[in-house]
Amino acid sequence: MKFELNASMMCARYGNLEREVRELEEGGIDSFHVDIMDGRYVPNYAMGLNDLRYIASATKLPMDVHLMIEHPDTHIDIFLNSLRKGDTVYIHPEAEYHPSNTLQKIINAGMVPGIAINPGTSVETVIEMLRIVDKVLVMSVNPGNAGQMYLPYVGNKIQRLLSLKEEMNYRLYWDGACSADKIMKYAPQGMDGFVLGTTLLFGKGRPYCDILQDVRKLRFE
């Protein structure tokens, strides 16, 4: 069974970011997930533009950029100019007055357009944008901090998004509190990828290659 594993780089050890990127790459990670936070849309400051630029320069793997910022349209060109064609950029629909305009700029730049859906955001409020985007990042925790607990009520939303995949032609990704049991449950149902943070990948005292190999070897019913 094929699914993507994306490293949540806000959880990495910043004492030697170059080594972190190299070891994740050698371990078989599929892309680098970069959370950009402005302290306004979410109550936290996380990664910034220079972090994004450095990681992008240190790897040839795809970048997976999650913009948790107010009015991303105002600053979208700064981020697009720091990426390569084919990289992914997610925005939150609630953060912009006209999110379809921002998504079109991402498309015009040769990037993969995506939306991130918060736990409290209903599928119905973003249904038309599902026709525009190539990727949907469903948040199983409230955005802004690592190490949060999974919110069980998000499960019904995930089922709804899985049921719409074929009709709307998008790929679906999990972000937040991603454990092995969640991968075992949702990968067979059609989840295309998982963002791995402190729950499964970082801070475990084990080589990333061993952890990622264990995830790839999970047994599915």
N, C-alpha and C. Protein backbone atom coordinates (compact mmCIF):
# COMPACT_ATOMS: atom_id res chain seq x y z
N MET A 1 0.85 -1.19 0.00
CA MET A 1 0.00 0.00 0.00
C MET A 1 0.89 1.25 0.00
N LYS A 2 0.62 2.16 -0.91
CA LYS A 2 1.48 3.33 -1.07
C LYS A 2 0.82 4.55 -0.45
N PHE A 3 1.57 5.26 0.41
CA PHE A 3 1.12 6.53 0.96
C PHE A 3 2.36 7.34 1.29
N GLU A 4 2.20 8.65 1.32
CA GLU A 4 3.33 9.55 1.55
C GLU A 4 3.54 9.80 3.04
N LEU A 5 4.80 9.99 3.42
CA LEU A 5 5.17 10.38 4.77
C LEU A 5 5.91 11.70 4.70
N ASN A 6 5.38 12.71 5.37
CA ASN A 6 5.94 14.05 5.31
C ASN A 6 6.42 14.47 6.70
N ALA A 7 7.61 14.99 6.79
CA ALA A 7 8.20 15.36 8.08
C ALA A 7 7.80 16.77 8.48
N SER A 8 7.21 16.91 9.67
CA SER A 8 6.84 18.22 10.20
C SER A 8 8.07 18.88 10.79
N MET A 9 8.67 19.80 10.04
CA MET A 9 9.98 20.33 10.40
C MET A 9 9.96 21.30 11.58
N MET A 10 8.80 21.74 12.02
CA MET A 10 8.77 22.55 13.23
C MET A 10 9.15 21.71 14.45
N CYS A 11 9.13 20.38 14.30
CA CYS A 11 9.48 19.47 15.40
C CYS A 11 10.94 19.02 15.34
N ALA A 12 11.68 19.45 14.34
CA ALA A 12 13.06 19.00 14.16
C ALA A 12 13.98 19.62 15.20
N ARG A 13 15.19 19.05 15.33
CA ARG A 13 16.20 19.58 16.23
C ARG A 13 16.97 20.69 15.49
N TYR A 14 16.82 21.90 15.93
CA TYR A 14 17.40 23.03 15.20
C TYR A 14 18.88 23.26 15.52
N GLY A 15 19.44 22.45 16.43
CA GLY A 15 20.85 22.59 16.71
C GLY A 15 21.71 22.22 15.51
N ASN A 16 21.17 21.36 14.65
CA ASN A 16 21.87 21.00 13.42
C ASN A 16 20.83 20.63 12.37
N LEU A 17 20.23 21.67 11.78
CA LEU A 17 19.14 21.46 10.84
C LEU A 17 19.61 20.74 9.58
N GLU A 18 20.85 21.01 9.18
CA GLU A 18 21.39 20.34 7.99
C GLU A 18 21.40 18.83 8.19
N ARG A 19 21.83 18.38 9.37
CA ARG A 19 21.86 16.95 9.65
C ARG A 19 20.45 16.37 9.70
N GLU A 20 19.51 17.11 10.28
CA GLU A 20 18.13 16.65 10.34
C GLU A 20 17.58 16.40 8.93
N VAL A 21 17.80 17.35 8.05
CA VAL A 21 17.32 17.21 6.67
C VAL A 21 17.96 16.00 6.01
N ARG A 22 19.27 15.86 6.17
CA ARG A 22 19.98 14.75 5.54
C ARG A 22 19.51 13.40 6.07
N GLU A 23 19.36 13.29 7.39
CA GLU A 23 18.97 12.01 7.97
C GLU A 23 17.53 11.64 7.62
N LEU A 24 16.66 12.62 7.54
CA LEU A 24 15.28 12.35 7.12
C LEU A 24 15.24 11.92 5.66
N GLU A 25 16.03 12.60 4.84
CA GLU A 25 16.09 12.26 3.42
C GLU A 25 16.64 10.85 3.23
N GLU A 26 17.71 10.52 3.94
CA GLU A 26 18.29 9.19 3.83
C GLU A 26 17.36 8.12 4.40
N GLY A 27 16.53 8.52 5.36
CA GLY A 27 15.60 7.58 5.97
C GLY A 27 14.39 7.27 5.12
N GLY A 28 14.18 8.04 4.05
CA GLY A 28 13.09 7.74 3.14
C GLY A 28 11.87 8.62 3.26
N ILE A 29 12.02 9.80 3.87
CA ILE A 29 10.88 10.72 3.95
C ILE A 29 10.53 11.18 2.53
N ASP A 30 9.25 11.48 2.33
CA ASP A 30 8.79 11.85 0.97
C ASP A 30 8.83 13.35 0.72
N SER A 31 8.60 14.15 1.76
CA SER A 31 8.66 15.61 1.59
C SER A 31 8.86 16.27 2.94
N PHE A 32 9.16 17.55 2.90
CA PHE A 32 9.39 18.32 4.12
C PHE A 32 8.23 19.30 4.32
N HIS A 33 7.53 19.12 5.42
CA HIS A 33 6.36 19.94 5.74
C HIS A 33 6.81 21.12 6.59
N VAL A 34 6.57 22.33 6.11
CA VAL A 34 7.03 23.54 6.77
C VAL A 34 5.82 24.37 7.20
N ASP A 35 5.67 24.54 8.51
CA ASP A 35 4.56 25.31 9.07
C ASP A 35 4.99 26.75 9.29
N ILE A 36 4.36 27.67 8.56
CA ILE A 36 4.62 29.09 8.70
C ILE A 36 3.50 29.69 9.54
N MET A 37 3.84 30.30 10.70
CA MET A 37 2.83 30.87 11.60
C MET A 37 3.15 32.33 11.88
N ASP A 38 2.10 33.15 11.95
CA ASP A 38 2.31 34.59 12.11
C ASP A 38 1.93 35.13 13.48
N GLY A 39 1.49 34.26 14.40
CA GLY A 39 1.08 34.73 15.71
C GLY A 39 -0.25 35.44 15.73
N ARG A 40 -0.93 35.45 14.60
CA ARG A 40 -2.23 36.11 14.50
C ARG A 40 -3.31 35.11 14.09
N TYR A 41 -3.11 34.45 12.96
CA TYR A 41 -4.09 33.44 12.56
C TYR A 41 -4.09 32.28 13.56
N VAL A 42 -2.91 31.94 14.05
CA VAL A 42 -2.77 30.97 15.15
C VAL A 42 -1.97 31.62 16.26
N PRO A 43 -2.19 31.21 17.52
CA PRO A 43 -1.52 31.88 18.64
C PRO A 43 -0.11 31.37 18.88
N ASN A 44 0.70 31.38 17.83
CA ASN A 44 2.07 30.89 17.97
C ASN A 44 2.89 31.42 16.81
N TYR A 45 4.19 31.55 17.03
CA TYR A 45 5.14 31.81 15.96
C TYR A 45 5.95 30.53 15.78
N ALA A 46 6.02 30.04 14.58
CA ALA A 46 6.79 28.82 14.34
C ALA A 46 7.87 29.12 13.32
N MET A 47 7.82 28.45 12.20
CA MET A 47 8.88 28.60 11.21
C MET A 47 8.69 29.88 10.40
N GLY A 48 9.79 30.36 9.86
CA GLY A 48 9.75 31.60 9.09
C GLY A 48 10.27 31.41 7.69
N LEU A 49 10.37 32.51 6.98
CA LEU A 49 10.78 32.48 5.58
C LEU A 49 12.20 31.95 5.42
N ASN A 50 13.11 32.33 6.31
CA ASN A 50 14.48 31.85 6.19
C ASN A 50 14.60 30.36 6.46
N ASP A 51 13.79 29.85 7.38
CA ASP A 51 13.75 28.39 7.60
C ASP A 51 13.32 27.68 6.32
N LEU A 52 12.27 28.19 5.72
CA LEU A 52 11.78 27.61 4.48
C LEU A 52 12.85 27.63 3.40
N ARG A 53 13.51 28.76 3.24
CA ARG A 53 14.53 28.89 2.19
C ARG A 53 15.69 27.95 2.43
N TYR A 54 16.10 27.81 3.69
CA TYR A 54 17.23 26.93 3.97
C TYR A 54 16.88 25.47 3.66
N ILE A 55 15.75 25.00 4.15
CA ILE A 55 15.38 23.60 3.92
C ILE A 55 15.23 23.34 2.43
N ALA A 56 14.62 24.28 1.71
CA ALA A 56 14.46 24.11 0.26
C ALA A 56 15.81 24.02 -0.44
N SER A 57 16.81 24.74 0.08
CA SER A 57 18.13 24.72 -0.55
C SER A 57 18.92 23.47 -0.18
N ALA A 58 18.52 22.81 0.91
CA ALA A 58 19.29 21.68 1.43
C ALA A 58 18.81 20.33 0.91
N THR A 59 17.72 20.32 0.14
CA THR A 59 17.17 19.06 -0.34
C THR A 59 16.58 19.24 -1.74
N LYS A 60 16.52 18.13 -2.45
CA LYS A 60 15.84 18.12 -3.74
C LYS A 60 14.44 17.52 -3.62
N LEU A 61 14.10 17.07 -2.42
CA LEU A 61 12.76 16.53 -2.21
C LEU A 61 11.73 17.66 -2.22
N PRO A 62 10.46 17.33 -2.45
CA PRO A 62 9.42 18.36 -2.49
C PRO A 62 9.23 19.05 -1.15
N MET A 63 8.84 20.31 -1.23
CA MET A 63 8.46 21.08 -0.06
C MET A 63 6.94 21.10 0.04
N ASP A 64 6.48 21.09 1.29
CA ASP A 64 5.06 21.02 1.61
C ASP A 64 4.79 22.16 2.58
N VAL A 65 4.37 23.32 2.07
CA VAL A 65 4.33 24.54 2.87
C VAL A 65 2.91 24.83 3.34
N HIS A 66 2.77 24.94 4.66
CA HIS A 66 1.47 25.16 5.28
C HIS A 66 1.45 26.57 5.84
N LEU A 67 0.70 27.47 5.19
CA LEU A 67 0.66 28.87 5.59
C LEU A 67 -0.46 29.08 6.60
N MET A 68 -0.09 29.19 7.87
CA MET A 68 -1.05 29.51 8.94
C MET A 68 -0.91 30.99 9.26
N ILE A 69 -1.30 31.81 8.28
CA ILE A 69 -1.13 33.26 8.39
C ILE A 69 -2.39 33.96 7.91
N GLU A 70 -2.63 35.15 8.45
CA GLU A 70 -3.75 35.96 7.99
C GLU A 70 -3.45 36.55 6.62
N HIS A 71 -4.47 36.62 5.78
CA HIS A 71 -4.38 37.21 4.44
C HIS A 71 -3.13 36.76 3.68
N PRO A 72 -3.02 35.48 3.40
CA PRO A 72 -1.84 34.97 2.69
C PRO A 72 -1.65 35.60 1.32
N ASP A 73 -2.72 36.10 0.73
CA ASP A 73 -2.60 36.71 -0.61
C ASP A 73 -1.63 37.89 -0.61
N THR A 74 -1.56 38.58 0.53
CA THR A 74 -0.69 39.76 0.63
C THR A 74 0.78 39.39 0.48
N HIS A 75 1.15 38.20 0.95
CA HIS A 75 2.55 37.81 1.00
C HIS A 75 2.87 36.59 0.16
N ILE A 76 1.91 36.11 -0.62
CA ILE A 76 2.09 34.81 -1.27
C ILE A 76 3.29 34.79 -2.22
N ASP A 77 3.58 35.91 -2.88
CA ASP A 77 4.70 35.92 -3.84
C ASP A 77 6.04 35.68 -3.15
N ILE A 78 6.20 36.14 -1.92
CA ILE A 78 7.44 35.93 -1.19
C ILE A 78 7.70 34.45 -1.01
N PHE A 79 6.65 33.73 -0.67
CA PHE A 79 6.81 32.29 -0.45
C PHE A 79 6.97 31.54 -1.77
N LEU A 80 6.20 31.92 -2.76
CA LEU A 80 6.29 31.25 -4.06
C LEU A 80 7.68 31.41 -4.67
N ASN A 81 8.28 32.57 -4.47
CA ASN A 81 9.61 32.82 -5.03
C ASN A 81 10.71 32.05 -4.30
N SER A 82 10.37 31.47 -3.17
CA SER A 82 11.35 30.69 -2.40
C SER A 82 11.24 29.20 -2.66
N LEU A 83 10.33 28.82 -3.56
CA LEU A 83 10.06 27.41 -3.81
C LEU A 83 10.36 27.03 -5.25
N ARG A 84 10.28 25.74 -5.52
CA ARG A 84 10.45 25.22 -6.87
C ARG A 84 9.10 24.83 -7.45
N LYS A 85 9.01 24.83 -8.74
CA LYS A 85 7.78 24.37 -9.38
C LYS A 85 7.49 22.94 -8.93
N GLY A 86 6.25 22.67 -8.62
CA GLY A 86 5.86 21.35 -8.16
C GLY A 86 5.76 21.23 -6.65
N ASP A 87 6.28 22.22 -5.91
CA ASP A 87 6.11 22.21 -4.46
C ASP A 87 4.65 22.53 -4.12
N THR A 88 4.25 22.17 -2.92
CA THR A 88 2.86 22.35 -2.49
C THR A 88 2.74 23.53 -1.54
N VAL A 89 1.67 24.31 -1.70
CA VAL A 89 1.37 25.41 -0.78
C VAL A 89 -0.09 25.28 -0.34
N TYR A 90 -0.28 25.16 0.98
CA TYR A 90 -1.62 25.12 1.56
C TYR A 90 -1.96 26.47 2.19
N ILE A 91 -3.19 26.90 2.01
CA ILE A 91 -3.70 28.06 2.73
C ILE A 91 -4.94 27.64 3.51
N HIS A 92 -5.31 28.44 4.51
CA HIS A 92 -6.56 28.22 5.23
C HIS A 92 -7.62 29.13 4.61
N PRO A 93 -8.73 28.58 4.15
CA PRO A 93 -9.75 29.41 3.49
C PRO A 93 -10.25 30.55 4.37
N GLU A 94 -10.34 30.35 5.69
CA GLU A 94 -10.86 31.38 6.58
C GLU A 94 -9.93 32.58 6.70
N ALA A 95 -8.67 32.40 6.29
CA ALA A 95 -7.67 33.44 6.49
C ALA A 95 -7.67 34.49 5.40
N GLU A 96 -8.49 34.30 4.35
CA GLU A 96 -8.47 35.21 3.20
C GLU A 96 -9.89 35.55 2.79
N TYR A 97 -10.10 36.79 2.34
CA TYR A 97 -11.41 37.20 1.87
C TYR A 97 -11.82 36.43 0.62
N HIS A 98 -10.89 36.28 -0.31
CA HIS A 98 -11.16 35.57 -1.56
C HIS A 98 -10.08 34.51 -1.77
N PRO A 99 -10.19 33.39 -1.08
CA PRO A 99 -9.13 32.38 -1.15
C PRO A 99 -8.91 31.81 -2.54
N SER A 100 -9.94 31.83 -3.39
CA SER A 100 -9.75 31.30 -4.75
C SER A 100 -8.74 32.12 -5.53
N ASN A 101 -8.64 33.43 -5.25
CA ASN A 101 -7.63 34.25 -5.92
C ASN A 101 -6.22 33.82 -5.52
N THR A 102 -6.03 33.55 -4.24
CA THR A 102 -4.73 33.11 -3.76
C THR A 102 -4.36 31.76 -4.35
N LEU A 103 -5.33 30.87 -4.40
CA LEU A 103 -5.09 29.54 -4.98
C LEU A 103 -4.70 29.65 -6.45
N GLN A 104 -5.31 30.60 -7.17
CA GLN A 104 -4.98 30.77 -8.58
C GLN A 104 -3.55 31.26 -8.75
N LYS A 105 -3.07 32.11 -7.83
CA LYS A 105 -1.68 32.58 -7.89
C LYS A 105 -0.73 31.40 -7.68
N ILE A 106 -1.08 30.51 -6.78
CA ILE A 106 -0.27 29.31 -6.54
C ILE A 106 -0.21 28.45 -7.79
N ILE A 107 -1.36 28.28 -8.43
CA ILE A 107 -1.43 27.50 -9.68
C ILE A 107 -0.60 28.16 -10.78
N ASN A 108 -0.75 29.48 -10.93
CA ASN A 108 -0.03 30.20 -11.99
C ASN A 108 1.49 30.13 -11.81
N ALA A 109 1.93 29.96 -10.56
CA ALA A 109 3.37 29.88 -10.28
C ALA A 109 3.92 28.47 -10.51
N GLY A 110 3.06 27.55 -10.89
CA GLY A 110 3.51 26.18 -11.13
C GLY A 110 3.59 25.32 -9.89
N MET A 111 2.95 25.78 -8.81
CA MET A 111 2.93 25.03 -7.56
C MET A 111 1.65 24.21 -7.46
N VAL A 112 1.63 23.32 -6.48
CA VAL A 112 0.46 22.49 -6.23
C VAL A 112 -0.43 23.21 -5.22
N PRO A 113 -1.68 23.55 -5.58
CA PRO A 113 -2.55 24.30 -4.67
C PRO A 113 -3.24 23.37 -3.67
N GLY A 114 -3.30 23.84 -2.42
CA GLY A 114 -3.96 23.05 -1.40
C GLY A 114 -4.67 23.93 -0.39
N ILE A 115 -5.64 23.35 0.31
CA ILE A 115 -6.28 24.03 1.43
C ILE A 115 -6.12 23.16 2.67
N ALA A 116 -6.00 23.82 3.81
CA ALA A 116 -5.96 23.14 5.11
C ALA A 116 -7.29 23.40 5.80
N ILE A 117 -7.88 22.34 6.33
CA ILE A 117 -9.21 22.43 6.95
C ILE A 117 -9.09 22.21 8.45
N ASN A 118 -9.43 23.22 9.22
CA ASN A 118 -9.37 23.15 10.67
C ASN A 118 -10.44 22.21 11.23
N PRO A 119 -10.23 21.72 12.46
CA PRO A 119 -11.24 20.86 13.07
C PRO A 119 -12.63 21.48 13.11
N GLY A 120 -12.71 22.79 13.34
CA GLY A 120 -14.01 23.45 13.44
C GLY A 120 -14.57 23.95 12.12
N THR A 121 -13.91 23.67 11.02
CA THR A 121 -14.39 24.08 9.70
C THR A 121 -15.14 22.94 9.04
N SER A 122 -16.37 23.21 8.61
CA SER A 122 -17.17 22.15 7.99
C SER A 122 -16.79 21.99 6.52
N VAL A 123 -16.96 20.80 6.02
CA VAL A 123 -16.66 20.52 4.61
C VAL A 123 -17.53 21.38 3.71
N GLU A 124 -18.78 21.58 4.11
CA GLU A 124 -19.71 22.32 3.27
C GLU A 124 -19.26 23.75 2.99
N THR A 125 -18.52 24.36 3.92
CA THR A 125 -18.09 25.75 3.71
C THR A 125 -16.94 25.87 2.72
N VAL A 126 -16.29 24.76 2.38
CA VAL A 126 -15.15 24.81 1.45
C VAL A 126 -15.41 23.93 0.22
N ILE A 127 -16.64 23.49 0.04
CA ILE A 127 -16.93 22.48 -0.98
C ILE A 127 -16.52 22.93 -2.37
N GLU A 128 -16.72 24.21 -2.71
CA GLU A 128 -16.38 24.67 -4.06
C GLU A 128 -14.87 24.73 -4.26
N MET A 129 -14.13 25.01 -3.20
CA MET A 129 -12.67 25.04 -3.33
C MET A 129 -12.09 23.66 -3.54
N LEU A 130 -12.83 22.64 -3.14
CA LEU A 130 -12.35 21.27 -3.38
C LEU A 130 -12.23 20.97 -4.87
N ARG A 131 -12.96 21.75 -5.69
CA ARG A 131 -12.89 21.57 -7.15
C ARG A 131 -11.64 22.24 -7.74
N ILE A 132 -11.04 23.15 -6.97
CA ILE A 132 -9.89 23.92 -7.45
C ILE A 132 -8.57 23.28 -7.06
N VAL A 133 -8.52 22.76 -5.84
CA VAL A 133 -7.24 22.34 -5.28
C VAL A 133 -6.86 20.92 -5.70
N ASP A 134 -5.57 20.63 -5.59
CA ASP A 134 -5.06 19.28 -5.84
C ASP A 134 -4.87 18.50 -4.54
N LYS A 135 -4.72 19.23 -3.42
CA LYS A 135 -4.49 18.58 -2.15
C LYS A 135 -5.34 19.22 -1.06
N VAL A 136 -5.77 18.37 -0.12
CA VAL A 136 -6.51 18.84 1.05
C VAL A 136 -5.80 18.31 2.29
N LEU A 137 -5.45 19.22 3.20
CA LEU A 137 -4.78 18.87 4.44
C LEU A 137 -5.82 18.97 5.55
N VAL A 138 -6.22 17.83 6.09
CA VAL A 138 -7.24 17.85 7.14
C VAL A 138 -6.54 17.85 8.50
N MET A 139 -6.86 18.85 9.31
CA MET A 139 -6.26 19.00 10.62
C MET A 139 -7.04 18.18 11.64
N SER A 140 -6.33 17.27 12.31
CA SER A 140 -6.97 16.47 13.35
C SER A 140 -6.75 17.07 14.73
N VAL A 141 -6.06 18.21 14.79
CA VAL A 141 -5.86 19.00 16.01
C VAL A 141 -6.06 20.46 15.64
N ASN A 142 -6.26 21.31 16.64
CA ASN A 142 -6.33 22.74 16.36
C ASN A 142 -4.94 23.23 15.96
N PRO A 143 -4.83 24.02 14.91
CA PRO A 143 -3.51 24.41 14.40
C PRO A 143 -2.78 25.36 15.34
N GLY A 144 -1.43 25.28 15.31
CA GLY A 144 -0.63 26.25 16.03
C GLY A 144 0.45 25.68 16.91
N ASN A 145 0.27 24.44 17.40
CA ASN A 145 1.26 23.86 18.29
C ASN A 145 1.43 22.38 18.02
N ALA A 146 2.65 21.89 18.25
CA ALA A 146 2.92 20.46 18.14
C ALA A 146 2.53 19.76 19.44
N GLY A 147 2.36 18.45 19.37
CA GLY A 147 2.13 17.66 20.56
C GLY A 147 0.73 17.71 21.12
N GLN A 148 -0.26 18.11 20.32
CA GLN A 148 -1.62 18.18 20.80
C GLN A 148 -2.32 16.83 20.68
N MET A 149 -3.46 16.71 21.38
CA MET A 149 -4.24 15.49 21.36
C MET A 149 -5.17 15.45 20.15
N TYR A 150 -5.35 14.25 19.62
CA TYR A 150 -6.28 14.03 18.51
C TYR A 150 -7.71 14.37 18.94
N LEU A 151 -8.45 15.04 18.06
CA LEU A 151 -9.84 15.39 18.33
C LEU A 151 -10.74 14.37 17.62
N PRO A 152 -11.36 13.46 18.36
CA PRO A 152 -12.09 12.35 17.74
C PRO A 152 -13.21 12.76 16.79
N TYR A 153 -13.84 13.93 17.03
CA TYR A 153 -14.96 14.32 16.18
C TYR A 153 -14.54 14.62 14.74
N VAL A 154 -13.23 14.77 14.53
CA VAL A 154 -12.75 15.02 13.17
C VAL A 154 -12.92 13.78 12.29
N GLY A 155 -13.07 12.61 12.90
CA GLY A 155 -13.21 11.37 12.14
C GLY A 155 -14.35 11.40 11.14
N ASN A 156 -15.50 11.98 11.52
CA ASN A 156 -16.64 12.05 10.60
C ASN A 156 -16.32 12.93 9.40
N LYS A 157 -15.57 14.02 9.64
CA LYS A 157 -15.18 14.90 8.54
C LYS A 157 -14.24 14.18 7.58
N ILE A 158 -13.32 13.40 8.14
CA ILE A 158 -12.39 12.65 7.30
C ILE A 158 -13.15 11.68 6.39
N GLN A 159 -14.15 11.02 6.94
CA GLN A 159 -14.95 10.10 6.13
C GLN A 159 -15.64 10.84 5.00
N ARG A 160 -16.16 12.03 5.29
CA ARG A 160 -16.82 12.84 4.26
C ARG A 160 -15.82 13.25 3.17
N LEU A 161 -14.63 13.67 3.57
CA LEU A 161 -13.62 14.07 2.60
C LEU A 161 -13.14 12.88 1.77
N LEU A 162 -13.04 11.72 2.38
CA LEU A 162 -12.66 10.52 1.63
C LEU A 162 -13.72 10.18 0.59
N SER A 163 -14.98 10.38 0.94
CA SER A 163 -16.07 10.04 0.02
C SER A 163 -16.13 10.98 -1.18
N LEU A 164 -15.56 12.19 -1.05
CA LEU A 164 -15.60 13.18 -2.13
C LEU A 164 -14.36 13.17 -3.02
N LYS A 165 -13.35 12.40 -2.65
CA LYS A 165 -12.08 12.45 -3.36
C LYS A 165 -12.20 12.20 -4.84
N GLU A 166 -12.89 11.15 -5.21
CA GLU A 166 -12.96 10.78 -6.62
C GLU A 166 -13.73 11.82 -7.42
N GLU A 167 -14.84 12.30 -6.87
CA GLU A 167 -15.65 13.30 -7.57
C GLU A 167 -14.91 14.62 -7.75
N MET A 168 -14.22 15.06 -6.70
CA MET A 168 -13.56 16.36 -6.71
C MET A 168 -12.11 16.29 -7.20
N ASN A 169 -11.55 15.10 -7.27
CA ASN A 169 -10.21 14.89 -7.82
C ASN A 169 -9.13 15.62 -7.02
N TYR A 170 -9.05 15.31 -5.73
CA TYR A 170 -7.97 15.83 -4.91
C TYR A 170 -7.33 14.69 -4.12
N ARG A 171 -6.18 14.97 -3.54
CA ARG A 171 -5.50 14.02 -2.66
C ARG A 171 -5.65 14.50 -1.22
N LEU A 172 -5.79 13.56 -0.30
CA LEU A 172 -6.11 13.90 1.08
C LEU A 172 -4.96 13.54 2.01
N TYR A 173 -4.60 14.49 2.89
CA TYR A 173 -3.47 14.32 3.80
C TYR A 173 -3.89 14.60 5.24
N TRP A 174 -3.30 13.86 6.16
CA TRP A 174 -3.57 13.98 7.59
C TRP A 174 -2.49 14.82 8.25
N ASP A 175 -2.90 15.76 9.11
CA ASP A 175 -1.93 16.57 9.85
C ASP A 175 -2.37 16.71 11.30
N GLY A 176 -1.51 16.24 12.22
CA GLY A 176 -1.77 16.40 13.64
C GLY A 176 -1.97 15.10 14.39
N ALA A 177 -1.16 14.88 15.44
CA ALA A 177 -1.30 13.71 16.32
C ALA A 177 -1.37 12.41 15.52
N CYS A 178 -0.49 12.29 14.54
CA CYS A 178 -0.52 11.12 13.66
C CYS A 178 0.25 9.96 14.28
N SER A 179 -0.46 8.96 14.72
CA SER A 179 0.13 7.76 15.31
C SER A 179 0.00 6.59 14.34
N ALA A 180 0.67 5.49 14.66
CA ALA A 180 0.65 4.33 13.77
C ALA A 180 -0.76 3.80 13.58
N ASP A 181 -1.57 3.82 14.63
CA ASP A 181 -2.93 3.29 14.50
C ASP A 181 -3.78 4.12 13.55
N LYS A 182 -3.50 5.43 13.48
CA LYS A 182 -4.24 6.28 12.54
C LYS A 182 -3.85 5.93 11.10
N ILE A 183 -2.58 5.69 10.88
CA ILE A 183 -2.13 5.30 9.54
C ILE A 183 -2.73 3.96 9.15
N MET A 184 -2.74 3.03 10.08
CA MET A 184 -3.27 1.70 9.81
C MET A 184 -4.77 1.74 9.50
N LYS A 185 -5.47 2.69 10.12
CA LYS A 185 -6.91 2.79 9.89
C LYS A 185 -7.25 3.52 8.60
N TYR A 186 -6.56 4.64 8.34
CA TYR A 186 -7.00 5.52 7.26
C TYR A 186 -6.26 5.33 5.94
N ALA A 187 -5.05 4.80 5.94
CA ALA A 187 -4.37 4.54 4.67
C ALA A 187 -5.17 3.56 3.80
N PRO A 188 -5.70 2.46 4.34
CA PRO A 188 -6.49 1.55 3.50
C PRO A 188 -7.78 2.17 2.99
N GLN A 189 -8.26 3.22 3.67
CA GLN A 189 -9.50 3.86 3.25
C GLN A 189 -9.27 4.91 2.17
N GLY A 190 -8.00 5.24 1.89
CA GLY A 190 -7.71 6.17 0.81
C GLY A 190 -6.98 7.44 1.19
N MET A 191 -6.55 7.56 2.45
CA MET A 191 -5.74 8.72 2.83
C MET A 191 -4.41 8.63 2.08
N ASP A 192 -4.02 9.71 1.42
CA ASP A 192 -2.85 9.69 0.54
C ASP A 192 -1.53 9.94 1.24
N GLY A 193 -1.58 10.60 2.40
CA GLY A 193 -0.33 10.89 3.08
C GLY A 193 -0.56 11.37 4.49
N PHE A 194 0.52 11.39 5.27
CA PHE A 194 0.46 11.73 6.68
C PHE A 194 1.64 12.62 7.04
N VAL A 195 1.36 13.70 7.78
CA VAL A 195 2.41 14.56 8.30
C VAL A 195 2.83 14.02 9.65
N LEU A 196 4.11 13.70 9.81
CA LEU A 196 4.61 13.07 11.03
C LEU A 196 5.34 14.09 11.88
N GLY A 197 4.94 14.16 13.17
CA GLY A 197 5.57 15.08 14.10
C GLY A 197 6.07 14.36 15.33
N THR A 198 5.78 14.92 16.51
CA THR A 198 6.30 14.36 17.75
C THR A 198 5.60 13.07 18.17
N THR A 199 4.40 12.82 17.65
CA THR A 199 3.68 11.61 18.03
C THR A 199 4.40 10.35 17.56
N LEU A 200 4.99 10.42 16.38
CA LEU A 200 5.54 9.20 15.79
C LEU A 200 7.00 9.31 15.37
N LEU A 201 7.46 10.50 14.98
CA LEU A 201 8.77 10.58 14.32
C LEU A 201 9.85 11.28 15.14
N PHE A 202 9.56 12.44 15.67
CA PHE A 202 10.61 13.26 16.31
C PHE A 202 10.68 13.03 17.82
N GLY A 203 11.92 13.14 18.36
CA GLY A 203 12.12 13.05 19.79
C GLY A 203 11.98 11.65 20.36
N LYS A 204 12.19 10.64 19.56
CA LYS A 204 12.00 9.26 20.00
C LYS A 204 13.31 8.57 20.39
N GLY A 205 14.44 9.23 20.17
CA GLY A 205 15.72 8.62 20.51
C GLY A 205 16.09 7.46 19.61
N ARG A 206 15.51 7.40 18.44
CA ARG A 206 15.80 6.35 17.46
C ARG A 206 16.13 7.01 16.13
N PRO A 207 16.94 6.35 15.31
CA PRO A 207 17.22 6.91 13.97
C PRO A 207 15.93 7.04 13.16
N TYR A 208 15.86 8.12 12.40
CA TYR A 208 14.68 8.33 11.57
C TYR A 208 14.49 7.19 10.58
N CYS A 209 15.57 6.65 10.07
CA CYS A 209 15.45 5.57 9.09
C CYS A 209 14.75 4.36 9.69
N ASP A 210 15.03 4.06 10.96
CA ASP A 210 14.38 2.92 11.61
C ASP A 210 12.89 3.17 11.81
N ILE A 211 12.55 4.38 12.26
CA ILE A 211 11.14 4.71 12.48
C ILE A 211 10.36 4.67 11.17
N LEU A 212 10.91 5.29 10.14
CA LEU A 212 10.22 5.34 8.85
C LEU A 212 10.09 3.95 8.25
N GLN A 213 11.10 3.12 8.44
CA GLN A 213 11.03 1.74 7.95
C GLN A 213 9.92 0.98 8.67
N ASP A 214 9.80 1.19 9.98
CA ASP A 214 8.73 0.53 10.74
C ASP A 214 7.35 0.96 10.24
N VAL A 215 7.21 2.24 9.93
CA VAL A 215 5.92 2.74 9.43
C VAL A 215 5.59 2.11 8.08
N ARG A 216 6.60 2.01 7.22
CA ARG A 216 6.37 1.41 5.90
C ARG A 216 5.98 -0.07 6.01
N LYS A 217 6.38 -0.71 7.12
CA LYS A 217 6.11 -2.13 7.28
C LYS A 217 4.84 -2.43 8.06
N LEU A 218 4.07 -1.39 8.39
CA LEU A 218 2.83 -1.61 9.12
C LEU A 218 1.93 -2.58 8.36
N ARG A 219 1.26 -3.43 9.10
CA ARG A 219 0.36 -4.41 8.50
C ARG A 219 -1.06 -3.87 8.45
N PHE A 220 -1.65 -3.97 7.29
CA PHE A 220 -2.99 -3.47 7.08
C PHE A 220 -3.96 -4.61 6.83
N GLU A 221 -5.18 -4.41 7.34
CA GLU A 221 -6.20 -5.44 7.14
C GLU A 221 -6.71 -5.39 5.70
